[in-house]
């Protein structure tokens, strides 16, 4: 087996989030921005680039409601431009292969009718193939009632010997999901989070950093480019310290860091395992 490199350069993006999956031009514009940020990340030597929830689209409950726009009800997913979403995802995957970079891209994942879709994160390899998919588990009341089907399992994948877990949306609020990834011995968790109509989301960054220090692993938090939201994308090391942050003016851009296996990661993991074994014995 090839030797694991001493560090792995990763990029986290903050990008424009649009809310109308019926708008083909808007979907194409989002995908074009994603591809531009992928090229920037690859230019700076990143092996992996991580995008926010809603990177292609963050569907609005008002737009999707079959009773809307004045009343919220079950989402009518037949209105979505599924063919455009599929086409743009394919183009992004192809570019990953051309650039030789891994891409973690959230999008809506269509299921056979009458099932509602998943709110998902696609993992695209540096060979341009979709190799895994994570489906958000801890759905909000709106998402669970009107919009999506919940996922039911953690997902991990490896890049150059480094193992990552995935979390999306309100997953970030639930410590047990991050403890689960600790037990799966990940080096880091990639968290994609978006919200619309809610300002002042500083607490989400606090949550992400708290999970990093509690589990002594890296956490990448990808959020929208959204002035006024009170939060930017960033990467926390296992001490809960931001090592990279997206543009401070909340414009689209990337932040990069060199992830490495600090001694703290394994020391903390061994301590937690031994303590749990002792308490539960």
Protein backbone atom coordinates (compact mmCIF):
# COMPACT_ATOMS: atom_id res chain seq x y z
CA UNK A 1 0.00 0.00 0.00
CA UNK A 2 1.23 3.53 -0.74
CA UNK A 3 2.51 5.44 2.26
CA UNK A 4 0.15 8.02 3.76
CA UNK A 5 1.58 11.52 3.14
CA UNK A 6 2.55 13.60 6.16
CA UNK A 7 -0.08 16.20 5.27
CA UNK A 8 -3.09 16.62 3.01
CA UNK A 9 -4.07 19.99 1.58
CA UNK A 10 -7.82 20.54 1.61
CA UNK A 11 -9.95 23.49 0.53
CA UNK A 12 -13.29 24.62 1.90
CA UNK A 13 -15.48 26.82 -0.26
CA UNK A 14 -18.11 29.42 0.43
CA UNK A 15 -20.28 29.88 -2.63
CA UNK A 16 -23.48 31.53 -3.78
CA UNK A 17 -26.59 29.58 -2.77
CA UNK A 18 -29.74 29.83 -4.86
CA UNK A 19 -33.11 28.53 -3.70
CA UNK A 20 -35.11 27.78 -6.87
CA UNK A 21 -34.59 24.32 -8.40
CA UNK A 22 -37.07 25.21 -11.15
CA UNK A 23 -34.65 27.88 -12.47
CA UNK A 24 -32.42 26.13 -15.00
CA UNK A 25 -30.26 29.21 -15.57
CA UNK A 26 -29.74 29.63 -11.83
CA UNK A 27 -28.68 26.00 -11.47
CA UNK A 28 -26.18 26.40 -14.29
CA UNK A 29 -24.81 29.58 -12.71
CA UNK A 30 -24.30 27.80 -9.38
CA UNK A 31 -22.53 24.93 -11.09
CA UNK A 32 -20.30 27.31 -13.04
CA UNK A 33 -19.25 28.99 -9.80
CA UNK A 34 -18.54 25.59 -8.24
CA UNK A 35 -16.31 24.68 -11.17
CA UNK A 36 -14.44 27.98 -10.90
CA UNK A 37 -13.74 27.37 -7.20
CA UNK A 38 -12.64 23.81 -7.96
CA UNK A 39 -10.08 25.16 -10.43
CA UNK A 40 -8.86 27.67 -7.86
CA UNK A 41 -8.48 24.94 -5.23
CA UNK A 42 -6.58 22.70 -7.64
CA UNK A 43 -4.34 25.61 -8.65
CA UNK A 44 -3.33 25.99 -4.98
CA UNK A 45 -2.51 22.30 -4.65
CA UNK A 46 -5.60 21.05 -2.82
CA UNK A 47 -6.34 17.34 -3.04
CA UNK A 48 -9.92 17.82 -1.86
CA UNK A 49 -12.43 20.68 -2.07
CA UNK A 50 -15.54 20.79 0.12
CA UNK A 51 -18.74 22.75 -0.68
CA UNK A 52 -21.71 24.03 1.30
CA UNK A 53 -25.17 22.54 1.56
CA UNK A 54 -27.08 24.06 -1.34
CA UNK A 55 -24.00 24.46 -3.53
CA UNK A 56 -26.10 23.60 -6.58
CA UNK A 57 -29.43 24.60 -5.02
CA UNK A 58 -31.00 24.93 -1.55
CA UNK A 59 -34.66 24.41 -2.45
CA UNK A 60 -37.09 26.80 -0.81
CA UNK A 61 -40.08 25.27 0.97
CA UNK A 62 -42.18 28.13 -0.43
CA UNK A 63 -41.16 27.54 -4.04
CA UNK A 64 -41.55 23.78 -3.76
CA UNK A 65 -44.87 23.71 -1.88
CA UNK A 66 -47.67 22.24 -3.96
CA UNK A 67 -49.96 24.67 -2.10
CA UNK A 68 -47.60 27.65 -2.36
CA UNK A 69 -46.41 30.20 -2.40
CA UNK A 70 -48.84 31.41 0.27
CA UNK A 71 -49.20 28.11 2.12
CA UNK A 72 -46.55 25.55 3.00
CA UNK A 73 -47.42 21.98 2.11
CA UNK A 74 -45.82 18.87 0.62
CA UNK A 75 -43.12 19.67 -1.90
CA UNK A 76 -43.90 19.10 -5.56
CA UNK A 77 -40.57 17.79 -6.79
CA UNK A 78 -41.87 17.35 -10.35
CA UNK A 79 -41.21 21.09 -10.72
CA UNK A 80 -37.46 20.68 -10.22
CA UNK A 81 -35.13 20.76 -13.22
CA UNK A 82 -33.75 17.30 -12.56
CA UNK A 83 -32.18 16.94 -15.99
CA UNK A 84 -30.18 20.15 -15.49
CA UNK A 85 -29.08 19.09 -12.00
CA UNK A 86 -27.90 15.74 -13.39
CA UNK A 87 -26.11 17.38 -16.31
CA UNK A 88 -24.29 19.85 -14.07
CA UNK A 89 -23.32 17.16 -11.55
CA UNK A 90 -21.89 15.12 -14.41
CA UNK A 91 -19.85 18.12 -15.60
CA UNK A 92 -18.52 18.72 -12.10
CA UNK A 93 -17.54 15.07 -11.79
CA UNK A 94 -15.78 15.21 -15.14
CA UNK A 95 -13.84 18.29 -14.05
CA UNK A 96 -12.76 16.55 -10.83
CA UNK A 97 -11.10 13.92 -12.97
CA UNK A 98 -9.48 16.49 -15.24
CA UNK A 99 -8.10 18.44 -12.27
CA UNK A 100 -7.14 15.34 -10.28
CA UNK A 101 -8.98 16.65 -7.20
CA UNK A 102 -11.60 15.12 -4.91
CA UNK A 103 -14.86 17.09 -4.64
CA UNK A 104 -17.52 16.89 -1.93
CA UNK A 105 -20.64 18.47 -3.38
CA UNK A 106 -24.06 18.67 -1.68
CA UNK A 107 -27.14 18.41 -3.87
CA UNK A 108 -30.66 17.02 -3.88
CA UNK A 109 -30.67 13.30 -4.69
CA UNK A 110 -33.73 12.10 -6.56
CA UNK A 111 -35.46 8.88 -5.45
CA UNK A 112 -38.11 6.90 -7.35
CA UNK A 113 -41.56 8.40 -6.87
CA UNK A 114 -43.47 8.67 -4.64
CA UNK A 115 -40.49 8.87 -2.25
CA UNK A 116 -39.16 12.29 -1.43
CA UNK A 117 -35.53 12.98 -2.37
CA UNK A 118 -32.55 13.03 0.00
CA UNK A 119 -30.60 16.12 0.93
CA UNK A 120 -27.22 14.66 0.10
CA UNK A 121 -23.48 15.14 -0.21
CA UNK A 122 -21.82 13.50 -3.22
CA UNK A 123 -18.20 12.34 -3.00
CA UNK A 124 -16.46 12.62 -6.36
CA UNK A 125 -13.03 11.04 -6.74
CA UNK A 126 -9.99 12.49 -8.47
CA UNK A 127 -10.82 10.09 -11.33
CA UNK A 128 -14.12 11.86 -11.95
CA UNK A 129 -16.36 9.18 -10.44
CA UNK A 130 -19.08 9.53 -7.82
CA UNK A 131 -17.83 7.00 -5.27
CA UNK A 132 -20.11 7.65 -2.29
CA UNK A 133 -23.08 9.65 -1.06
CA UNK A 134 -24.17 10.83 2.36
CA UNK A 135 -27.81 11.64 3.12
CA UNK A 136 -28.65 14.15 5.85
CA UNK A 137 -30.02 12.34 8.89
CA UNK A 138 -31.20 14.95 11.41
CA UNK A 139 -33.77 16.73 9.26
CA UNK A 140 -35.44 19.90 10.48
CA UNK A 141 -39.19 19.82 11.08
CA UNK A 142 -39.83 21.48 7.72
CA UNK A 143 -37.52 19.17 5.83
CA UNK A 144 -38.92 16.05 7.49
CA UNK A 145 -42.58 17.09 7.19
CA UNK A 146 -42.69 18.50 3.68
CA UNK A 147 -39.51 17.98 1.72
CA UNK A 148 -37.04 15.11 2.19
CA UNK A 149 -36.39 11.50 3.12
CA UNK A 150 -33.91 11.17 5.99
CA UNK A 151 -30.66 9.25 5.66
CA UNK A 152 -29.92 6.46 8.11
CA UNK A 153 -26.16 5.88 8.34
CA UNK A 154 -22.74 7.51 8.62
CA UNK A 155 -20.51 7.59 5.57
CA UNK A 156 -16.72 7.66 5.41
CA UNK A 157 -14.25 7.80 2.53
CA UNK A 158 -10.48 8.07 2.18
CA UNK A 159 -8.18 10.41 0.28
CA UNK A 160 -4.48 9.48 0.22
CA UNK A 161 -4.87 7.47 3.43
CA UNK A 162 -6.83 10.15 5.33
CA UNK A 163 -10.35 9.18 6.39
CA UNK A 164 -13.26 11.64 6.41
CA UNK A 165 -16.82 11.56 7.69
CA UNK A 166 -19.71 13.64 6.36
CA UNK A 167 -22.47 15.72 7.97
CA UNK A 168 -25.08 17.99 6.44
CA UNK A 169 -27.52 20.64 7.62
CA UNK A 170 -28.78 20.26 11.18
CA UNK A 171 -26.54 17.23 11.67
CA UNK A 172 -24.07 19.82 13.01
CA UNK A 173 -26.20 20.26 16.15
CA UNK A 174 -26.08 16.61 17.22
CA UNK A 175 -22.95 15.58 19.10
CA UNK A 176 -23.74 11.87 18.88
CA UNK A 177 -23.14 11.88 15.12
CA UNK A 178 -19.66 13.27 15.66
CA UNK A 179 -18.94 10.78 18.46
CA UNK A 180 -19.93 8.07 16.00
CA UNK A 181 -17.32 9.33 13.54
CA UNK A 182 -14.74 9.38 16.35
CA UNK A 183 -15.40 5.68 16.87
CA UNK A 184 -14.99 5.15 13.13
CA UNK A 185 -11.52 6.69 13.53
CA UNK A 186 -11.82 9.49 11.02
CA UNK A 187 -9.17 12.17 10.65
CA UNK A 188 -11.82 14.79 10.02
CA UNK A 189 -15.49 15.50 9.35
CA UNK A 190 -16.73 17.67 6.47
CA UNK A 191 -19.82 19.63 7.53
CA UNK A 192 -21.99 21.37 4.92
CA UNK A 193 -24.53 23.82 6.35
CA UNK A 194 -26.89 26.40 4.88
CA UNK A 195 -29.90 28.38 6.05
CA UNK A 196 -32.13 30.96 4.40
CA UNK A 197 -33.91 33.84 6.05
CA UNK A 198 -31.91 33.45 9.28
CA UNK A 199 -29.20 35.92 10.21
CA UNK A 200 -26.54 35.62 12.89
CA UNK A 201 -25.43 32.00 12.62
CA UNK A 202 -22.26 32.38 14.71
CA UNK A 203 -23.31 29.46 16.89
CA UNK A 204 -22.84 27.05 13.98
CA UNK A 205 -19.14 27.86 13.87
CA UNK A 206 -18.97 27.35 17.64
CA UNK A 207 -20.67 23.96 17.25
CA UNK A 208 -18.21 22.89 14.53
CA UNK A 209 -15.17 23.91 16.57
CA UNK A 210 -16.63 22.21 19.63
CA UNK A 211 -16.99 18.92 17.76
CA UNK A 212 -13.38 19.25 16.59
CA UNK A 213 -11.93 19.72 20.07
CA UNK A 214 -14.28 17.21 21.73
CA UNK A 215 -13.26 14.49 19.30
CA UNK A 216 -9.70 15.69 18.59
CA UNK A 217 -10.09 15.59 14.82
CA UNK A 218 -10.29 18.16 12.04
CA UNK A 219 -13.63 19.73 11.05
CA UNK A 220 -14.25 21.56 7.79
CA UNK A 221 -17.36 23.77 7.81
CA UNK A 222 -18.67 24.89 4.41
CA UNK A 223 -21.37 27.58 4.41
CA UNK A 224 -22.87 29.94 1.82
CA UNK A 225 -21.35 33.23 0.73
CA UNK A 226 -23.91 35.27 2.65
CA UNK A 227 -23.15 38.70 4.09
CA UNK A 228 -25.06 39.20 7.32
CA UNK A 229 -25.22 35.52 8.19
CA UNK A 230 -22.50 35.98 10.78
CA UNK A 231 -20.48 32.99 9.64
CA UNK A 232 -17.92 32.10 6.99
CA UNK A 233 -16.48 28.80 5.87
CA UNK A 234 -13.50 27.52 7.80
CA UNK A 235 -11.37 24.58 8.86
CA UNK A 236 -10.76 23.80 12.53
CA UNK A 237 -7.83 21.78 13.80
CA UNK A 238 -8.23 19.20 16.61
CA UNK A 239 -7.77 21.91 19.27
CA UNK A 240 -10.82 23.81 18.02
CA UNK A 241 -8.75 26.56 16.39
CA UNK A 242 -9.57 27.90 12.94
CA UNK A 243 -6.57 27.25 10.70
CA UNK A 244 -8.24 28.73 7.63
CA UNK A 245 -11.31 30.89 7.04
CA UNK A 246 -13.16 31.98 3.93
CA UNK A 247 -13.25 35.60 2.73
CA UNK A 248 -14.18 37.82 5.68
CA UNK A 249 -16.61 39.84 3.57
CA UNK A 250 -18.62 36.65 2.93
CA UNK A 251 -18.03 36.75 -0.82
CA UNK A 252 -17.44 33.54 -2.78
CA UNK A 253 -13.99 32.03 -2.32
CA UNK A 254 -11.96 29.24 -0.79
CA UNK A 255 -9.76 28.69 2.24
CA UNK A 256 -6.97 26.12 2.39
CA UNK A 257 -5.10 24.26 5.09
CA UNK A 258 -2.67 21.38 5.34
CA UNK A 259 -4.31 18.68 7.42
CA UNK A 260 -1.95 16.39 9.32
CA UNK A 261 -2.17 13.70 11.96
CA UNK A 262 -1.28 15.52 15.16
CA UNK A 263 -0.36 13.34 18.15
CA UNK A 264 -3.34 14.87 19.95
CA UNK A 265 -5.74 13.02 17.66
CA UNK A 266 -4.69 9.53 18.72
CA UNK A 267 -3.97 10.45 22.34
CA UNK A 268 -7.48 11.86 22.73
CA UNK A 269 -9.07 8.92 20.93
CA UNK A 270 -7.26 6.36 23.08
CA UNK A 271 -8.26 8.23 26.24
CA UNK A 272 -11.94 8.33 25.27
CA UNK A 273 -11.98 4.66 24.31
CA UNK A 274 -10.33 3.50 27.51
CA UNK A 275 -12.56 5.69 29.66
CA UNK A 276 -15.75 4.47 27.96
CA UNK A 277 -14.62 0.85 28.30
CA UNK A 278 -13.90 1.35 31.99
CA UNK A 279 -17.20 3.07 32.72
CA UNK A 280 -19.24 0.57 30.74
CA UNK A 281 -17.50 -2.54 32.04
